[in-house]
Amino acid sequence: MSLFYEIIFENGKTLKYKVEDNPVAEIWVRVTKEMLARPDCHVFENQWSHGFYDETKVNIVWNRMLKHIDKWNQLDYSEGRKLSMPLEYDKNEDYRDLLNRLHETFHRFEEEMSENNLMMESYDANPLAQLNVDIHTLESCIFNKNMITVTAGFFLHSNQKPRLLPIKIDDPSLYKYWTNQSHGGLYLGYHTIGKSLESCWNSNDVELVQQGMVRPQLDISNEVILHFDCRPADEHIYAQIHTKNKMQAWIEKNRLEEYVDLSDPKHTPGYALLGKLVNEMTAPEADDFFWDNKVVTSRFVEE
């Protein structure tokens, strides 16, 4: 018998993944089954997808961000930290620093709320949470105009008090299962407020590292990432080493050695592989599909 994870979308299509036999996947199955067993289990509202560069889509995301910022600036929470961004997207501008600082406001606010055991009444009421999703969507698109990958992610949620979720990564050896993504892979989601070291490198966020705000992944939750790629399947084997070398060069160039140590397992780049796609979908097909469709439910099946 093999275990499969089925992801069902609003148009009725199902993506089916054969679950991997590794310790991280084993833990993920446990926490996900525990969540699926709850009566109020549902897909959380902040689903996301990152795809190929498309200026029309970029402008749609940009305009959504303007609305989130306007909503945030009208809330009492924004006292002393109003946000702003240009009213129109200019394809000739480099918005890296702007997006880094917008994300930093989200990061600080969410940690502040967590430390004080506060919670906004709903996800929809939190414009910074919505802004954060669109920031990452925009970054993946405009800073990777030659993008040949498509990714999408979601997680399951419940209002019941967690019993098992999430599970802390107490064994550093688990990070050896982190790898670069390849086509058709189902990967463990980051599910952490903030940015990993790899994400800081990718967005050139030197300031965040210097402020001690790097947040490596320390938990295993039910969140997953679906990855589709135009590259040959074997290229990802060498990509992780290449990424790690470039990250180390970036650390040395910006003199960040006193803030982070890339030899620490928790800063391992990539994601843990949980499963492999059984049915077929190309990266261009996935790009269109995830823009138009949302996940409505998921389930495990044994065959």
Protein backbone atom coordinates (compact mmCIF):
# COMPACT_ATOMS: atom_id res chain seq x y z
CA MET A 1 0.00 0.00 0.00
CA SER A 2 1.21 3.51 -0.87
CA LEU A 3 0.03 6.79 0.64
CA PHE A 4 -1.13 9.64 -1.62
CA TYR A 5 -2.11 13.26 -0.92
CA GLU A 6 -4.91 14.61 -3.10
CA ILE A 7 -5.43 18.36 -3.50
CA ILE A 8 -8.86 19.34 -4.84
CA PHE A 9 -9.47 22.68 -6.57
CA GLU A 10 -12.64 24.75 -6.99
CA ASN A 11 -13.00 23.73 -10.65
CA GLY A 12 -13.07 20.06 -9.62
CA LYS A 13 -9.53 19.19 -10.73
CA THR A 14 -7.42 17.06 -8.39
CA LEU A 15 -3.63 16.99 -8.17
CA LYS A 16 -2.40 13.71 -6.71
CA TYR A 17 0.98 13.23 -5.01
CA LYS A 18 2.63 10.00 -3.87
CA VAL A 19 4.01 10.68 -0.38
CA GLU A 20 7.77 10.26 0.07
CA ASP A 21 9.33 7.86 2.56
CA ASN A 22 11.47 10.18 4.70
CA PRO A 23 11.34 11.43 8.34
CA VAL A 24 10.13 14.95 7.46
CA ALA A 25 7.29 13.61 5.31
CA GLU A 26 6.35 11.22 8.12
CA ILE A 27 6.00 14.10 10.60
CA TRP A 28 4.12 16.21 8.05
CA VAL A 29 1.62 13.38 7.48
CA ARG A 30 0.96 13.15 11.23
CA VAL A 31 0.31 16.87 11.71
CA THR A 32 -1.78 17.10 8.52
CA LYS A 33 -3.96 14.12 9.42
CA GLU A 34 -4.52 15.64 12.84
CA MET A 35 -5.68 18.86 11.21
CA LEU A 36 -7.88 17.12 8.63
CA ALA A 37 -9.68 15.28 11.45
CA ARG A 38 -10.99 18.52 12.95
CA PRO A 39 -14.63 19.35 12.14
CA ASP A 40 -13.83 22.96 11.23
CA CYS A 41 -10.71 22.20 9.16
CA HIS A 42 -10.53 24.43 6.10
CA VAL A 43 -8.02 25.91 3.65
CA PHE A 44 -6.76 29.21 5.05
CA GLU A 45 -7.53 32.36 3.07
CA ASN A 46 -3.99 33.38 2.12
CA GLN A 47 -3.34 30.92 -0.70
CA TRP A 48 -0.65 32.13 -3.06
CA SER A 49 0.89 31.41 -6.44
CA HIS A 50 4.08 32.68 -8.08
CA GLY A 51 4.41 32.39 -11.83
CA PHE A 52 5.88 33.75 -15.02
CA TYR A 53 6.37 37.48 -15.59
CA ASP A 54 3.23 39.09 -16.96
CA GLU A 55 2.86 42.87 -16.82
CA THR A 56 -0.93 42.69 -16.68
CA LYS A 57 -0.77 40.42 -13.63
CA VAL A 58 1.91 42.63 -12.06
CA ASN A 59 -0.37 45.65 -12.30
CA ILE A 60 -3.27 43.71 -10.80
CA VAL A 61 -1.11 42.72 -7.82
CA TRP A 62 0.27 46.27 -7.51
CA ASN A 63 -3.24 47.75 -7.35
CA ARG A 64 -4.26 45.18 -4.72
CA MET A 65 -1.27 46.26 -2.62
CA LEU A 66 -2.34 49.91 -2.85
CA LYS A 67 -5.74 48.93 -1.44
CA HIS A 68 -4.15 46.95 1.40
CA ILE A 69 -1.94 49.93 2.30
CA ASP A 70 -4.87 52.35 2.21
CA LYS A 71 -6.85 50.03 4.50
CA TRP A 72 -3.89 49.65 6.87
CA ASN A 73 -3.29 53.40 7.11
CA GLN A 74 -6.88 53.89 8.27
CA LEU A 75 -6.56 51.44 11.17
CA ASP A 76 -5.60 52.46 14.72
CA TYR A 77 -2.87 49.77 14.60
CA SER A 78 -0.97 51.83 12.01
CA GLU A 79 -0.29 54.65 14.46
CA GLY A 80 3.26 55.87 13.81
CA ARG A 81 3.89 53.46 10.95
CA LYS A 82 1.91 54.62 7.96
CA LEU A 83 2.87 53.00 4.67
CA SER A 84 3.13 54.33 1.13
CA MET A 85 4.08 53.19 -2.35
CA PRO A 86 3.90 54.75 -5.84
CA LEU A 87 0.43 54.83 -7.33
CA GLU A 88 1.61 53.18 -10.56
CA TYR A 89 4.06 50.39 -11.28
CA ASP A 90 7.07 51.42 -13.38
CA LYS A 91 8.80 48.46 -15.04
CA ASN A 92 12.07 50.45 -15.18
CA GLU A 93 12.26 50.95 -11.41
CA ASP A 94 13.90 48.63 -8.89
CA TYR A 95 11.42 48.19 -6.05
CA ARG A 96 13.48 45.73 -4.02
CA ASP A 97 14.10 48.07 -1.08
CA LEU A 98 10.48 49.28 -1.02
CA LEU A 99 9.17 45.70 -0.86
CA ASN A 100 11.73 44.73 1.79
CA ARG A 101 10.63 47.58 4.05
CA LEU A 102 6.91 46.89 3.51
CA HIS A 103 7.55 43.28 4.46
CA GLU A 104 9.51 44.40 7.53
CA THR A 105 6.46 46.33 8.79
CA PHE A 106 4.35 43.18 8.44
CA HIS A 107 7.03 41.11 10.20
CA ARG A 108 7.36 43.48 13.17
CA PHE A 109 3.58 43.90 13.54
CA GLU A 110 2.86 40.15 13.48
CA GLU A 111 5.56 39.41 16.05
CA GLU A 112 4.32 42.28 18.22
CA MET A 113 0.78 40.84 18.12
CA SER A 114 2.07 37.36 18.93
CA GLU A 115 4.22 38.54 21.85
CA ASN A 116 1.22 40.34 23.37
CA ASN A 117 -1.22 37.46 22.68
CA LEU A 118 -3.33 39.70 20.47
CA MET A 119 -5.20 38.71 17.34
CA MET A 120 -7.17 40.63 14.75
CA GLU A 121 -10.73 39.40 14.38
CA SER A 122 -10.09 37.75 11.01
CA TYR A 123 -7.55 37.36 8.24
CA ASP A 124 -9.65 39.64 6.02
CA ALA A 125 -9.39 42.36 8.67
CA ASN A 126 -5.59 42.26 8.56
CA PRO A 127 -4.42 44.20 5.49
CA LEU A 128 -0.75 43.56 6.34
CA ALA A 129 -1.26 39.79 6.08
CA GLN A 130 -2.85 40.27 2.68
CA LEU A 131 -0.11 42.72 1.70
CA ASN A 132 2.56 40.19 2.66
CA VAL A 133 1.17 37.56 0.27
CA ASP A 134 1.12 40.06 -2.60
CA ILE A 135 4.64 41.31 -1.80
CA HIS A 136 6.03 37.81 -2.30
CA THR A 137 3.97 37.34 -5.46
CA LEU A 138 5.29 40.59 -6.89
CA GLU A 139 8.89 39.86 -5.88
CA SER A 140 8.88 36.45 -7.54
CA CYS A 141 7.56 37.97 -10.75
CA ILE A 142 9.40 41.26 -11.26
CA PHE A 143 12.80 40.15 -9.94
CA ASN A 144 12.78 36.95 -11.96
CA LYS A 145 11.61 38.03 -15.39
CA ASN A 146 13.23 34.95 -16.88
CA MET A 147 11.41 32.76 -14.37
CA ILE A 148 10.98 29.18 -15.55
CA THR A 149 9.24 27.93 -12.42
CA VAL A 150 5.73 28.14 -11.02
CA THR A 151 4.92 27.58 -7.35
CA ALA A 152 1.75 27.64 -5.29
CA GLY A 153 1.09 27.11 -1.61
CA PHE A 154 -1.61 26.71 1.01
CA PHE A 155 -2.20 25.42 4.52
CA LEU A 156 -5.07 23.97 6.51
CA HIS A 157 -6.52 25.86 9.47
CA SER A 158 -8.76 25.26 12.45
CA ASN A 159 -10.02 27.45 15.27
CA GLN A 160 -9.59 24.60 17.76
CA LYS A 161 -6.66 24.76 20.15
CA PRO A 162 -3.71 22.88 18.60
CA ARG A 163 -2.76 19.56 20.20
CA LEU A 164 -0.02 18.35 17.91
CA LEU A 165 0.65 21.31 15.62
CA PRO A 166 3.22 22.36 14.72
CA ILE A 167 6.13 20.06 15.58
CA LYS A 168 9.45 21.66 16.47
CA ILE A 169 12.50 20.57 14.51
CA ASP A 170 14.54 19.39 17.49
CA ASP A 171 16.83 17.14 15.45
CA PRO A 172 19.19 19.23 13.23
CA SER A 173 19.77 16.17 11.02
CA LEU A 174 16.25 16.66 9.60
CA TYR A 175 17.57 19.64 7.63
CA LYS A 176 19.54 17.28 5.41
CA TYR A 177 16.22 16.55 3.71
CA TRP A 178 15.99 20.18 2.54
CA THR A 179 16.74 20.34 -1.16
CA ASN A 180 16.17 22.55 -4.19
CA GLN A 181 12.79 22.18 -5.81
CA SER A 182 12.18 20.25 -9.01
CA HIS A 183 9.20 19.74 -11.30
CA GLY A 184 6.23 17.89 -9.85
CA GLY A 185 7.45 18.05 -6.26
CA LEU A 186 5.31 18.64 -3.18
CA TYR A 187 7.39 20.45 -0.55
CA LEU A 188 7.07 21.42 3.08
CA GLY A 189 5.91 25.03 3.41
CA TYR A 190 7.94 27.66 5.30
CA HIS A 191 4.97 28.64 7.56
CA THR A 192 7.04 31.15 9.51
CA ILE A 193 6.54 34.87 10.07
CA GLY A 194 9.49 36.70 8.53
CA LYS A 195 12.24 35.73 6.11
CA SER A 196 14.68 32.87 5.99
CA LEU A 197 18.32 33.59 5.20
CA GLU A 198 17.77 32.31 1.66
CA SER A 199 14.86 34.73 1.22
CA CYS A 200 16.99 37.63 2.52
CA TRP A 201 19.70 36.73 0.02
CA ASN A 202 17.16 36.45 -2.79
CA SER A 203 15.73 39.91 -2.09
CA ASN A 204 19.10 41.43 -1.09
CA ASP A 205 17.70 42.34 2.33
CA VAL A 206 20.98 43.13 4.09
CA GLU A 207 19.29 45.44 6.57
CA LEU A 208 17.00 42.71 7.92
CA VAL A 209 19.98 40.44 8.59
CA GLN A 210 21.83 43.27 10.36
CA GLN A 211 18.77 43.86 12.55
CA GLY A 212 18.82 40.23 13.69
CA MET A 213 15.44 39.53 12.13
CA VAL A 214 16.28 36.43 10.07
CA ARG A 215 13.74 33.74 10.90
CA PRO A 216 14.78 30.22 9.85
CA GLN A 217 12.18 27.47 9.62
CA LEU A 218 12.01 25.76 13.02
CA ASP A 219 8.69 23.89 12.73
CA ILE A 220 6.98 21.28 10.60
CA SER A 221 3.36 22.25 9.88
CA ASN A 222 0.77 21.08 7.35
CA GLU A 223 1.64 23.85 4.85
CA VAL A 224 2.76 22.66 1.41
CA ILE A 225 4.32 24.12 -1.73
CA LEU A 226 3.55 22.76 -5.20
CA HIS A 227 6.39 23.23 -7.67
CA PHE A 228 6.45 23.13 -11.48
CA ASP A 229 9.60 23.65 -13.50
CA CYS A 230 10.71 23.98 -17.12
CA ARG A 231 14.22 22.70 -16.34
CA PRO A 232 15.40 19.11 -16.82
CA ALA A 233 14.61 17.02 -13.74
CA ASP A 234 18.26 16.40 -12.78
CA GLU A 235 19.36 20.06 -12.72
CA HIS A 236 18.07 20.65 -9.18
CA ILE A 237 20.70 18.23 -7.82
CA TYR A 238 23.39 20.82 -8.50
CA ALA A 239 21.24 23.89 -7.82
CA GLN A 240 21.37 23.66 -4.02
CA ILE A 241 25.20 23.69 -3.97
CA HIS A 242 25.16 26.64 -6.40
CA THR A 243 22.65 28.50 -4.21
CA LYS A 244 24.65 27.89 -1.04
CA ASN A 245 27.85 29.15 -2.67
CA LYS A 246 26.11 32.32 -3.87
CA MET A 247 24.59 32.88 -0.43
CA GLN A 248 28.02 32.57 1.20
CA ALA A 249 29.51 35.05 -1.28
CA TRP A 250 26.64 37.46 -0.50
CA ILE A 251 27.26 37.12 3.24
CA GLU A 252 30.98 37.85 2.80
CA LYS A 253 30.40 40.75 0.40
CA ASN A 254 28.05 42.47 2.86
CA ARG A 255 30.12 41.53 5.93
CA LEU A 256 27.29 39.63 7.59
CA GLU A 257 29.40 36.87 9.16
CA GLU A 258 28.79 38.22 12.68
CA TYR A 259 25.02 37.96 12.17
CA VAL A 260 24.53 34.59 10.44
CA ASP A 261 26.42 31.35 9.95
CA LEU A 262 25.51 29.44 6.81
CA SER A 263 27.04 26.26 8.25
CA ASP A 264 24.18 26.17 10.80
CA PRO A 265 21.79 23.45 9.52
CA LYS A 266 18.70 25.62 10.10
CA HIS A 267 19.90 27.97 7.32
CA THR A 268 20.03 25.15 4.76
CA PRO A 269 18.51 26.47 1.51
CA GLY A 270 15.58 24.78 -0.17
CA TYR A 271 12.57 22.84 1.10
CA ALA A 272 11.93 19.28 2.27
CA LEU A 273 10.40 16.98 -0.35
CA LEU A 274 7.07 15.47 0.78
CA GLY A 275 5.72 13.88 -2.40
CA LYS A 276 5.81 13.61 -6.17
CA LEU A 277 3.05 14.41 -8.63
CA VAL A 278 1.28 11.40 -10.14
CA ASN A 279 -0.80 13.15 -12.79
CA GLU A 280 0.70 15.53 -15.38
CA MET A 281 0.84 19.33 -15.50
CA THR A 282 3.48 21.46 -17.23
CA ALA A 283 4.82 24.71 -15.78
CA PRO A 284 2.98 26.88 -18.38
CA GLU A 285 -0.25 24.98 -17.62
CA ALA A 286 0.32 25.50 -13.90
CA ASP A 287 0.91 29.24 -14.41
CA ASP A 288 -2.57 29.71 -15.88
CA PHE A 289 -4.22 27.18 -13.58
CA PHE A 290 -3.09 28.66 -10.25
CA TRP A 291 -3.93 32.21 -11.29
CA ASP A 292 -7.55 31.19 -11.82
CA ASN A 293 -8.12 28.39 -9.27
CA LYS A 294 -8.00 27.94 -5.50
CA VAL A 295 -7.69 24.84 -3.35
CA VAL A 296 -10.94 23.91 -1.58
CA THR A 297 -9.88 20.77 0.30
CA SER A 298 -7.31 17.97 0.51
CA ARG A 299 -7.19 14.37 1.73
CA PHE A 300 -4.99 11.32 2.13
CA VAL A 301 -5.78 8.08 0.31
CA GLU A 302 -4.09 4.69 0.42
CA GLU A 303 -3.83 2.50 -2.64
